[in-house]
Full PDB file with SEQRES, HELIX, SHEET, SSBOND, CRYST1, ORIGX, SCALE, CONECT and MASTER records, all heavy atoms in Angstrom:
SEQRES   1 A   39  SER ILE VAL ASP HIS ALA PRO ALA LEU ARG THR GLY MET          
SEQRES   2 A   39  LEU CYS PRO ALA PRO GLN ALA ARG VAL VAL ALA PHE LEU          
SEQRES   3 A   39  PRO ILE ALA SER ALA ALA THR ILE PRO PRO VAL GLY GLN          
HELIX    1 AA1 VAL A    3  HIS A    5  5                                   3    
HELIX    2 AA2 ALA A    6  GLY A   12  1                                   7    
HELIX    3 AA3 ALA A   31  THR A   33  5                                   3    
CRYST1    1.000    1.000    1.000  90.00  90.00  90.00 P 1           1          
ORIGX1      1.000000  0.000000  0.000000        0.00000                         
ORIGX2      0.000000  1.000000  0.000000        0.00000                         
ORIGX3      0.000000  0.000000  1.000000        0.00000                         
SCALE1      1.000000  0.000000  0.000000        0.00000                         
SCALE2      0.000000  1.000000  0.000000        0.00000                         
SCALE3      0.000000  0.000000  1.000000        0.00000                         
ATOM      1  N   SER A   1       0.825  -1.225   0.012  1.00  0.00           N  
ATOM      2  CA  SER A   1       0.005   0.001  -0.014  1.00  0.00           C  
ATOM      3  C   SER A   1       0.840   1.245  -0.028  1.00  0.00           C  
ATOM      4  O   SER A   1       0.385   2.228  -0.620  1.00  0.00           O  
ATOM      5  CB  SER A   1      -0.954   0.091   1.194  1.00  0.00           C  
ATOM      6  OG  SER A   1      -0.830  -0.849   2.037  1.00  0.00           O  
ATOM      7  N   ILE A   2       2.008   1.182   0.629  1.00  0.00           N  
ATOM      8  CA  ILE A   2       2.856   2.372   0.641  1.00  0.00           C  
ATOM      9  C   ILE A   2       3.404   2.575  -0.820  1.00  0.00           C  
ATOM     10  O   ILE A   2       3.455   3.681  -1.311  1.00  0.00           O  
ATOM     11  CB  ILE A   2       4.030   2.232   1.585  1.00  0.00           C  
ATOM     12  CG1 ILE A   2       3.557   2.404   3.027  1.00  0.00           C  
ATOM     13  CG2 ILE A   2       5.163   3.256   1.365  1.00  0.00           C  
ATOM     14  CD1 ILE A   2       4.498   2.352   4.148  1.00  0.00           C  
ATOM     15  N   VAL A   3       3.889   1.539  -1.441  1.00  0.00           N  
ATOM     16  CA  VAL A   3       4.355   1.569  -2.755  1.00  0.00           C  
ATOM     17  C   VAL A   3       3.421   2.111  -3.777  1.00  0.00           C  
ATOM     18  O   VAL A   3       3.685   3.006  -4.609  1.00  0.00           O  
ATOM     19  CB  VAL A   3       4.917   0.224  -3.224  1.00  0.00           C  
ATOM     20  CG1 VAL A   3       5.215   0.210  -4.763  1.00  0.00           C  
ATOM     21  CG2 VAL A   3       6.184  -0.125  -2.481  1.00  0.00           C  
ATOM     22  N   ASP A   4       2.139   1.636  -3.679  1.00  0.00           N  
ATOM     23  CA  ASP A   4       1.070   2.092  -4.560  1.00  0.00           C  
ATOM     24  C   ASP A   4       0.592   3.471  -4.360  1.00  0.00           C  
ATOM     25  O   ASP A   4      -0.006   4.031  -5.306  1.00  0.00           O  
ATOM     26  CB  ASP A   4      -0.147   0.962  -4.473  1.00  0.00           C  
ATOM     27  CG  ASP A   4       0.188  -0.312  -5.089  1.00  0.00           C  
ATOM     28  OD1 ASP A   4       1.249  -0.385  -5.807  1.00  0.00           O  
ATOM     29  OD2 ASP A   4      -0.501  -1.341  -4.664  1.00  0.00           O  
ATOM     30  N   HIS A   5       0.796   4.062  -3.171  1.00  0.00           N  
ATOM     31  CA  HIS A   5       0.237   5.355  -2.864  1.00  0.00           C  
ATOM     32  C   HIS A   5       1.402   6.329  -2.432  1.00  0.00           C  
ATOM     33  O   HIS A   5       1.170   7.297  -1.741  1.00  0.00           O  
ATOM     34  CB  HIS A   5      -0.778   5.264  -1.774  1.00  0.00           C  
ATOM     35  CG  HIS A   5      -1.983   4.446  -2.115  1.00  0.00           C  
ATOM     36  ND1 HIS A   5      -2.041   3.124  -1.768  1.00  0.00           N  
ATOM     37  CD2 HIS A   5      -3.138   4.727  -2.659  1.00  0.00           C  
ATOM     38  CE1 HIS A   5      -3.126   2.559  -2.234  1.00  0.00           C  
ATOM     39  NE2 HIS A   5      -3.840   3.595  -2.817  1.00  0.00           N  
ATOM     40  N   ALA A   6       2.644   6.031  -2.998  1.00  0.00           N  
ATOM     41  CA  ALA A   6       3.739   6.733  -2.614  1.00  0.00           C  
ATOM     42  C   ALA A   6       3.663   8.284  -2.823  1.00  0.00           C  
ATOM     43  O   ALA A   6       4.028   9.087  -1.999  1.00  0.00           O  
ATOM     44  CB  ALA A   6       4.973   6.207  -3.371  1.00  0.00           C  
ATOM     45  N   PRO A   7       3.135   8.786  -3.993  1.00  0.00           N  
ATOM     46  CA  PRO A   7       3.100  10.193  -4.227  1.00  0.00           C  
ATOM     47  C   PRO A   7       2.392  10.992  -3.156  1.00  0.00           C  
ATOM     48  O   PRO A   7       2.807  12.068  -2.748  1.00  0.00           O  
ATOM     49  CB  PRO A   7       2.363  10.356  -5.532  1.00  0.00           C  
ATOM     50  CG  PRO A   7       2.682   9.098  -6.204  1.00  0.00           C  
ATOM     51  CD  PRO A   7       2.626   7.953  -5.173  1.00  0.00           C  
ATOM     52  N   ALA A   8       1.317  10.501  -2.664  1.00  0.00           N  
ATOM     53  CA  ALA A   8       0.605  11.155  -1.517  1.00  0.00           C  
ATOM     54  C   ALA A   8       1.247  10.945  -0.188  1.00  0.00           C  
ATOM     55  O   ALA A   8       1.486  12.001   0.516  1.00  0.00           O  
ATOM     56  CB  ALA A   8      -0.844  10.661  -1.451  1.00  0.00           C  
ATOM     57  N   LEU A   9       1.683   9.785   0.061  1.00  0.00           N  
ATOM     58  CA  LEU A   9       2.285   9.551   1.441  1.00  0.00           C  
ATOM     59  C   LEU A   9       3.582  10.315   1.667  1.00  0.00           C  
ATOM     60  O   LEU A   9       3.890  10.779   2.711  1.00  0.00           O  
ATOM     61  CB  LEU A   9       2.415   7.996   1.665  1.00  0.00           C  
ATOM     62  CG  LEU A   9       1.145   7.191   1.727  1.00  0.00           C  
ATOM     63  CD1 LEU A   9       1.456   5.707   1.721  1.00  0.00           C  
ATOM     64  CD2 LEU A   9       0.487   7.723   3.011  1.00  0.00           C  
ATOM     65  N   ARG A  10       4.462  10.295   0.662  1.00  0.00           N  
ATOM     66  CA  ARG A  10       5.742  10.858   0.789  1.00  0.00           C  
ATOM     67  C   ARG A  10       5.722  12.366   0.795  1.00  0.00           C  
ATOM     68  O   ARG A  10       6.708  12.917   1.238  1.00  0.00           O  
ATOM     69  CB  ARG A  10       6.782  10.328  -0.237  1.00  0.00           C  
ATOM     70  CG  ARG A  10       6.596  10.877  -1.623  1.00  0.00           C  
ATOM     71  CD  ARG A  10       7.528  10.093  -2.601  1.00  0.00           C  
ATOM     72  NE  ARG A  10       7.464  10.508  -3.852  1.00  0.00           N  
ATOM     73  CZ  ARG A  10       8.000  10.056  -4.991  1.00  0.00           C  
ATOM     74  NH1 ARG A  10       8.672   8.743  -4.740  1.00  0.00           N  
ATOM     75  NH2 ARG A  10       8.046  10.449  -6.095  1.00  0.00           N  
ATOM     76  N   THR A  11       4.614  13.049   0.420  1.00  0.00           N  
ATOM     77  CA  THR A  11       4.531  14.471   0.551  1.00  0.00           C  
ATOM     78  C   THR A  11       3.590  14.928   1.569  1.00  0.00           C  
ATOM     79  O   THR A  11       3.591  16.155   1.939  1.00  0.00           O  
ATOM     80  CB  THR A  11       4.180  15.014  -0.885  1.00  0.00           C  
ATOM     81  OG1 THR A  11       2.833  14.536  -1.315  1.00  0.00           O  
ATOM     82  CG2 THR A  11       5.157  14.772  -1.947  1.00  0.00           C  
ATOM     83  N   GLY A  12       2.754  14.054   2.064  1.00  0.00           N  
ATOM     84  CA  GLY A  12       1.679  14.424   2.985  1.00  0.00           C  
ATOM     85  C   GLY A  12       1.831  14.196   4.505  1.00  0.00           C  
ATOM     86  O   GLY A  12       1.047  14.627   5.271  1.00  0.00           O  
ATOM     87  N   MET A  13       2.929  13.365   4.822  1.00  0.00           N  
ATOM     88  CA  MET A  13       3.005  13.018   6.226  1.00  0.00           C  
ATOM     89  C   MET A  13       3.162  14.286   7.129  1.00  0.00           C  
ATOM     90  O   MET A  13       2.782  14.271   8.286  1.00  0.00           O  
ATOM     91  CB  MET A  13       4.242  12.079   6.434  1.00  0.00           C  
ATOM     92  CG  MET A  13       3.948  10.636   5.851  1.00  0.00           C  
ATOM     93  SD  MET A  13       2.587   9.824   6.706  1.00  0.00           S  
ATOM     94  CE  MET A  13       3.246   9.727   8.393  1.00  0.00           C  
ATOM     95  N   LEU A  14       3.906  15.262   6.710  1.00  0.00           N  
ATOM     96  CA  LEU A  14       4.007  16.464   7.540  1.00  0.00           C  
ATOM     97  C   LEU A  14       3.287  17.629   7.067  1.00  0.00           C  
ATOM     98  O   LEU A  14       3.566  18.730   7.231  1.00  0.00           O  
ATOM     99  CB  LEU A  14       5.551  16.829   7.506  1.00  0.00           C  
ATOM    100  CG  LEU A  14       6.441  15.834   8.131  1.00  0.00           C  
ATOM    101  CD1 LEU A  14       7.899  16.430   8.069  1.00  0.00           C  
ATOM    102  CD2 LEU A  14       6.064  15.516   9.528  1.00  0.00           C  
ATOM    103  N   CYS A  15       2.028  17.304   6.509  1.00  0.00           N  
ATOM    104  CA  CYS A  15       1.009  18.287   6.222  1.00  0.00           C  
ATOM    105  C   CYS A  15      -0.112  18.275   7.246  1.00  0.00           C  
ATOM    106  O   CYS A  15      -0.395  17.237   7.856  1.00  0.00           O  
ATOM    107  CB  CYS A  15       0.427  17.988   4.750  1.00  0.00           C  
ATOM    108  SG  CYS A  15       1.521  18.365   3.420  1.00  0.00           S  
ATOM    109  N   PRO A  16      -0.847  19.424   7.367  1.00  0.00           N  
ATOM    110  CA  PRO A  16      -1.933  19.483   8.337  1.00  0.00           C  
ATOM    111  C   PRO A  16      -3.029  18.471   7.920  1.00  0.00           C  
ATOM    112  O   PRO A  16      -3.219  18.166   6.704  1.00  0.00           O  
ATOM    113  CB  PRO A  16      -2.412  20.888   8.223  1.00  0.00           C  
ATOM    114  CG  PRO A  16      -1.180  21.661   7.560  1.00  0.00           C  
ATOM    115  CD  PRO A  16      -0.490  20.674   6.790  1.00  0.00           C  
ATOM    116  N   ALA A  17      -3.726  17.987   8.856  1.00  0.00           N  
ATOM    117  CA  ALA A  17      -4.856  17.120   8.674  1.00  0.00           C  
ATOM    118  C   ALA A  17      -6.206  17.933   8.610  1.00  0.00           C  
ATOM    119  O   ALA A  17      -6.255  19.108   9.110  1.00  0.00           O  
ATOM    120  CB  ALA A  17      -4.954  16.076   9.709  1.00  0.00           C  
ATOM    121  N   PRO A  18      -7.192  17.393   8.008  1.00  0.00           N  
ATOM    122  CA  PRO A  18      -8.431  18.211   7.831  1.00  0.00           C  
ATOM    123  C   PRO A  18      -9.092  18.588   9.079  1.00  0.00           C  
ATOM    124  O   PRO A  18      -9.700  19.618   9.285  1.00  0.00           O  
ATOM    125  CB  PRO A  18      -9.371  17.237   7.014  1.00  0.00           C  
ATOM    126  CG  PRO A  18      -8.449  16.262   6.361  1.00  0.00           C  
ATOM    127  CD  PRO A  18      -7.282  16.170   7.231  1.00  0.00           C  
ATOM    128  N   GLN A  19      -8.935  17.767  10.120  1.00  0.00           N  
ATOM    129  CA  GLN A  19      -9.743  17.952  11.339  1.00  0.00           C  
ATOM    130  C   GLN A  19      -8.995  18.007  12.679  1.00  0.00           C  
ATOM    131  O   GLN A  19      -9.581  18.242  13.744  1.00  0.00           O  
ATOM    132  CB  GLN A  19     -10.865  16.909  11.482  1.00  0.00           C  
ATOM    133  CG  GLN A  19     -10.422  15.552  11.818  1.00  0.00           C  
ATOM    134  CD  GLN A  19      -9.637  14.731  10.828  1.00  0.00           C  
ATOM    135  OE1 GLN A  19      -8.706  15.223  10.275  1.00  0.00           O  
ATOM    136  NE2 GLN A  19     -10.065  13.519  10.508  1.00  0.00           N  
ATOM    137  N   ALA A  20      -7.733  17.725  12.670  1.00  0.00           N  
ATOM    138  CA  ALA A  20      -6.973  17.578  13.891  1.00  0.00           C  
ATOM    139  C   ALA A  20      -5.651  18.305  13.936  1.00  0.00           C  
ATOM    140  O   ALA A  20      -5.106  18.484  12.779  1.00  0.00           O  
ATOM    141  CB  ALA A  20      -6.659  16.072  14.218  1.00  0.00           C  
ATOM    142  N   ARG A  21      -5.160  18.725  15.009  1.00  0.00           N  
ATOM    143  CA  ARG A  21      -3.870  19.274  15.130  1.00  0.00           C  
ATOM    144  C   ARG A  21      -2.794  18.143  14.947  1.00  0.00           C  
ATOM    145  O   ARG A  21      -2.984  17.109  15.585  1.00  0.00           O  
ATOM    146  CB  ARG A  21      -3.674  20.015  16.494  1.00  0.00           C  
ATOM    147  CG  ARG A  21      -4.449  21.204  16.698  1.00  0.00           C  
ATOM    148  CD  ARG A  21      -4.097  21.921  17.989  1.00  0.00           C  
ATOM    149  NE  ARG A  21      -4.655  21.014  19.087  1.00  0.00           N  
ATOM    150  CZ  ARG A  21      -5.820  21.163  19.648  1.00  0.00           C  
ATOM    151  NH1 ARG A  21      -6.714  22.049  19.216  1.00  0.00           N  
ATOM    152  NH2 ARG A  21      -6.244  20.296  20.519  1.00  0.00           N  
ATOM    153  N   VAL A  22      -1.847  18.357  14.152  1.00  0.00           N  
ATOM    154  CA  VAL A  22      -0.754  17.427  13.959  1.00  0.00           C  
ATOM    155  C   VAL A  22       0.537  17.996  14.368  1.00  0.00           C  
ATOM    156  O   VAL A  22       0.977  19.084  13.948  1.00  0.00           O  
ATOM    157  CB  VAL A  22      -0.723  17.000  12.538  1.00  0.00           C  
ATOM    158  CG1 VAL A  22       0.402  15.898  12.259  1.00  0.00           C  
ATOM    159  CG2 VAL A  22      -1.948  16.359  12.034  1.00  0.00           C  
ATOM    160  N   VAL A  23       1.312  17.195  15.197  1.00  0.00           N  
ATOM    161  CA  VAL A  23       2.671  17.547  15.539  1.00  0.00           C  
ATOM    162  C   VAL A  23       3.549  16.321  15.351  1.00  0.00           C  
ATOM    163  O   VAL A  23       3.039  15.128  15.422  1.00  0.00           O  
ATOM    164  CB  VAL A  23       2.792  18.097  17.000  1.00  0.00           C  
ATOM    165  CG1 VAL A  23       1.984  19.419  17.192  1.00  0.00           C  
ATOM    166  CG2 VAL A  23       2.377  17.079  18.064  1.00  0.00           C  
ATOM    167  N   ALA A  24       4.879  16.495  15.163  1.00  0.00           N  
ATOM    168  CA  ALA A  24       5.797  15.409  15.003  1.00  0.00           C  
ATOM    169  C   ALA A  24       6.960  15.540  15.923  1.00  0.00           C  
ATOM    170  O   ALA A  24       7.487  16.633  16.068  1.00  0.00           O  
ATOM    171  CB  ALA A  24       6.139  15.311  13.582  1.00  0.00           C  
ATOM    172  N   PHE A  25       7.411  14.373  16.468  1.00  0.00           N  
ATOM    173  CA  PHE A  25       8.719  14.310  17.188  1.00  0.00           C  
ATOM    174  C   PHE A  25       9.651  13.476  16.424  1.00  0.00           C  
ATOM    175  O   PHE A  25       9.412  12.298  16.214  1.00  0.00           O  
ATOM    176  CB  PHE A  25       8.408  13.740  18.629  1.00  0.00           C  
ATOM    177  CG  PHE A  25       7.594  14.657  19.471  1.00  0.00           C  
ATOM    178  CD1 PHE A  25       6.323  14.707  19.542  1.00  0.00           C  
ATOM    179  CD2 PHE A  25       8.398  15.546  20.346  1.00  0.00           C  
ATOM    180  CE1 PHE A  25       5.595  15.583  20.354  1.00  0.00           C  
ATOM    181  CE2 PHE A  25       7.661  16.399  21.130  1.00  0.00           C  
ATOM    182  CZ  PHE A  25       6.316  16.485  21.239  1.00  0.00           C  
ATOM    183  N   LEU A  26      10.658  14.088  15.931  1.00  0.00           N  
ATOM    184  CA  LEU A  26      11.674  13.349  15.071  1.00  0.00           C  
ATOM    185  C   LEU A  26      12.980  13.051  15.825  1.00  0.00           C  
ATOM    186  O   LEU A  26      13.625  14.033  16.366  1.00  0.00           O  
ATOM    187  CB  LEU A  26      12.024  14.138  13.821  1.00  0.00           C  
ATOM    188  CG  LEU A  26      10.861  14.632  12.946  1.00  0.00           C  
ATOM    189  CD1 LEU A  26      11.437  15.308  11.755  1.00  0.00           C  
ATOM    190  CD2 LEU A  26       9.976  13.485  12.563  1.00  0.00           C  
ATOM    191  N   PRO A  27      13.329  11.854  16.052  1.00  0.00           N  
ATOM    192  CA  PRO A  27      14.547  11.504  16.726  1.00  0.00           C  
ATOM    193  C   PRO A  27      15.819  11.790  15.807  1.00  0.00           C  
ATOM    194  O   PRO A  27      15.607  11.722  14.571  1.00  0.00           O  
ATOM    195  CB  PRO A  27      14.500  10.039  17.034  1.00  0.00           C  
ATOM    196  CG  PRO A  27      13.673   9.527  15.898  1.00  0.00           C  
ATOM    197  CD  PRO A  27      12.699  10.602  15.670  1.00  0.00           C  
ATOM    198  N   ILE A  28      16.941  12.242  16.423  1.00  0.00           N  
ATOM    199  CA  ILE A  28      18.029  12.556  15.633  1.00  0.00           C  
ATOM    200  C   ILE A  28      18.647  11.333  14.910  1.00  0.00           C  
ATOM    201  O   ILE A  28      18.878  11.443  13.623  1.00  0.00           O  
ATOM    202  CB  ILE A  28      19.127  13.169  16.521  1.00  0.00           C  
ATOM    203  CG1 ILE A  28      18.672  14.519  17.096  1.00  0.00           C  
ATOM    204  CG2 ILE A  28      20.463  13.371  15.738  1.00  0.00           C  
ATOM    205  CD1 ILE A  28      19.656  15.195  18.076  1.00  0.00           C  
ATOM    206  N   ALA A  29      18.773  10.283  15.630  1.00  0.00           N  
ATOM    207  CA  ALA A  29      19.515   9.029  15.003  1.00  0.00           C  
ATOM    208  C   ALA A  29      18.462   8.100  14.364  1.00  0.00           C  
ATOM    209  O   ALA A  29      18.319   6.984  14.784  1.00  0.00           O  
ATOM    210  CB  ALA A  29      20.200   8.359  16.226  1.00  0.00           C  
ATOM    211  N   SER A  30      17.769   8.544  13.303  1.00  0.00           N  
ATOM    212  CA  SER A  30      16.924   7.733  12.603  1.00  0.00           C  
ATOM    213  C   SER A  30      16.792   8.228  11.184  1.00  0.00           C  
ATOM    214  O   SER A  30      16.212   9.252  10.924  1.00  0.00           O  
ATOM    215  CB  SER A  30      15.539   7.776  13.218  1.00  0.00           C  
ATOM    216  OG  SER A  30      14.649   7.018  12.507  1.00  0.00           O  
ATOM    217  N   ALA A  31      17.390   7.413  10.255  1.00  0.00           N  
ATOM    218  CA  ALA A  31      17.253   7.809   8.817  1.00  0.00           C  
ATOM    219  C   ALA A  31      15.777   7.689   8.318  1.00  0.00           C  
ATOM    220  O   ALA A  31      15.429   8.458   7.360  1.00  0.00           O  
ATOM    221  CB  ALA A  31      18.078   6.749   8.008  1.00  0.00           C  
ATOM    222  N   ALA A  32      14.970   6.955   8.979  1.00  0.00           N  
ATOM    223  CA  ALA A  32      13.607   6.796   8.489  1.00  0.00           C  
ATOM    224  C   ALA A  32      12.835   8.217   8.751  1.00  0.00           C  
ATOM    225  O   ALA A  32      11.764   8.381   7.955  1.00  0.00           O  
ATOM    226  CB  ALA A  32      12.828   5.733   9.252  1.00  0.00           C  
ATOM    227  N   THR A  33      13.272   8.934   9.573  1.00  0.00           N  
ATOM    228  CA  THR A  33      12.580  10.118   9.902  1.00  0.00           C  
ATOM    229  C   THR A  33      13.213  11.433   9.384  1.00  0.00           C  
ATOM    230  O   THR A  33      12.863  12.602   9.859  1.00  0.00           O  
ATOM    231  CB  THR A  33      12.233  10.317  11.381  1.00  0.00           C  
ATOM    232  OG1 THR A  33      13.530  10.329  12.083  1.00  0.00           O  
ATOM    233  CG2 THR A  33      11.555   9.084  12.013  1.00  0.00           C  
ATOM    234  N   ILE A  34      14.224  11.355   8.662  1.00  0.00           N  
ATOM    235  CA  ILE A  34      14.949  12.514   8.126  1.00  0.00           C  
ATOM    236  C   ILE A  34      14.198  13.086   7.006  1.00  0.00           C  
ATOM    237  O   ILE A  34      14.181  12.474   5.858  1.00  0.00           O  
ATOM    238  CB  ILE A  34      16.393  12.254   7.767  1.00  0.00           C  
ATOM    239  CG1 ILE A  34      17.208  11.770   9.036  1.00  0.00           C  
ATOM    240  CG2 ILE A  34      17.145  13.404   7.171  1.00  0.00           C  
ATOM    241  CD1 ILE A  34      18.585  11.371   8.760  1.00  0.00           C  
ATOM    242  N   PRO A  35      13.623  14.289   7.004  1.00  0.00           N  
ATOM    243  CA  PRO A  35      12.972  14.817   5.892  1.00  0.00           C  
ATOM    244  C   PRO A  35      14.027  15.187   4.737  1.00  0.00           C  
ATOM    245  O   PRO A  35      15.081  15.406   5.059  1.00  0.00           O  
ATOM    246  CB  PRO A  35      12.320  16.126   6.424  1.00  0.00           C  
ATOM    247  CG  PRO A  35      12.306  16.042   7.953  1.00  0.00           C  
ATOM    248  CD  PRO A  35      13.580  15.112   8.146  1.00  0.00           C  
ATOM    249  N   PRO A  36      13.538  15.150   3.531  1.00  0.00           N  
ATOM    250  CA  PRO A  36      14.427  15.512   2.449  1.00  0.00           C  
ATOM    251  C   PRO A  36      14.871  16.949   2.560  1.00  0.00           C  
ATOM    252  O   PRO A  36      14.141  17.793   3.037  1.00  0.00           O  
ATOM    253  CB  PRO A  36      13.623  15.279   1.162  1.00  0.00           C  
ATOM    254  CG  PRO A  36      12.144  15.352   1.689  1.00  0.00           C  
ATOM    255  CD  PRO A  36      12.135  14.825   3.061  1.00  0.00           C  
ATOM    256  N   VAL A  37      16.085  17.203   2.105  1.00  0.00           N  
ATOM    257  CA  VAL A  37      16.599  18.576   2.147  1.00  0.00           C  
ATOM    258  C   VAL A  37      15.744  19.477   1.281  1.00  0.00           C  
ATOM    259  O   VAL A  37      15.393  19.077   0.193  1.00  0.00           O  
ATOM    260  CB  VAL A  37      18.080  18.591   1.691  1.00  0.00           C  
ATOM    261  CG1 VAL A  37      18.600  20.002   1.578  1.00  0.00           C  
ATOM    262  CG2 VAL A  37      18.916  17.777   2.543  1.00  0.00           C  
ATOM    263  N   GLY A  38      15.419  20.638   1.893  1.00  0.00           N  
ATOM    264  CA  GLY A  38      14.593  21.638   1.049  1.00  0.00           C  
ATOM    265  C   GLY A  38      13.159  21.481   1.347  1.00  0.00           C  
ATOM    266  O   GLY A  38      12.436  22.438   0.999  1.00  0.00           O  
ATOM    267  N   GLN A  39      12.689  20.456   2.032  1.00  0.00           N  
ATOM    268  CA  GLN A  39      11.257  20.237   2.349  1.00  0.00           C  
ATOM    269  C   GLN A  39      10.902  20.839   3.622  1.00  0.00           C  
ATOM    270  O   GLN A  39      11.514  20.351   4.659  1.00  0.00           O  
ATOM    271  CB  GLN A  39      10.819  18.740   2.273  1.00  0.00           C  
ATOM    272  CG  GLN A  39       9.288  18.597   2.612  1.00  0.00           C  
ATOM    273  CD  GLN A  39       8.894  17.090   2.364  1.00  0.00           C  
ATOM    274  OE1 GLN A  39       9.338  16.460   1.358  1.00  0.00           O  
ATOM    275  NE2 GLN A  39       8.200  16.633   3.400  1.00  0.00           N  
TER     276      GLN A  39                                                      
MASTER        0    0    0    3    0    0    0    6  275    1    0    3          
END                                                                             
């Protein structure tokens, strides 16, 4: 499901949601949570 919906998921995770406040806690030592440069 991630592969098939990649365009939305990879640009939308750090976007506001329609009805809820969204905040994110990113650990330093984690490649999985490093946003791309410039985003």
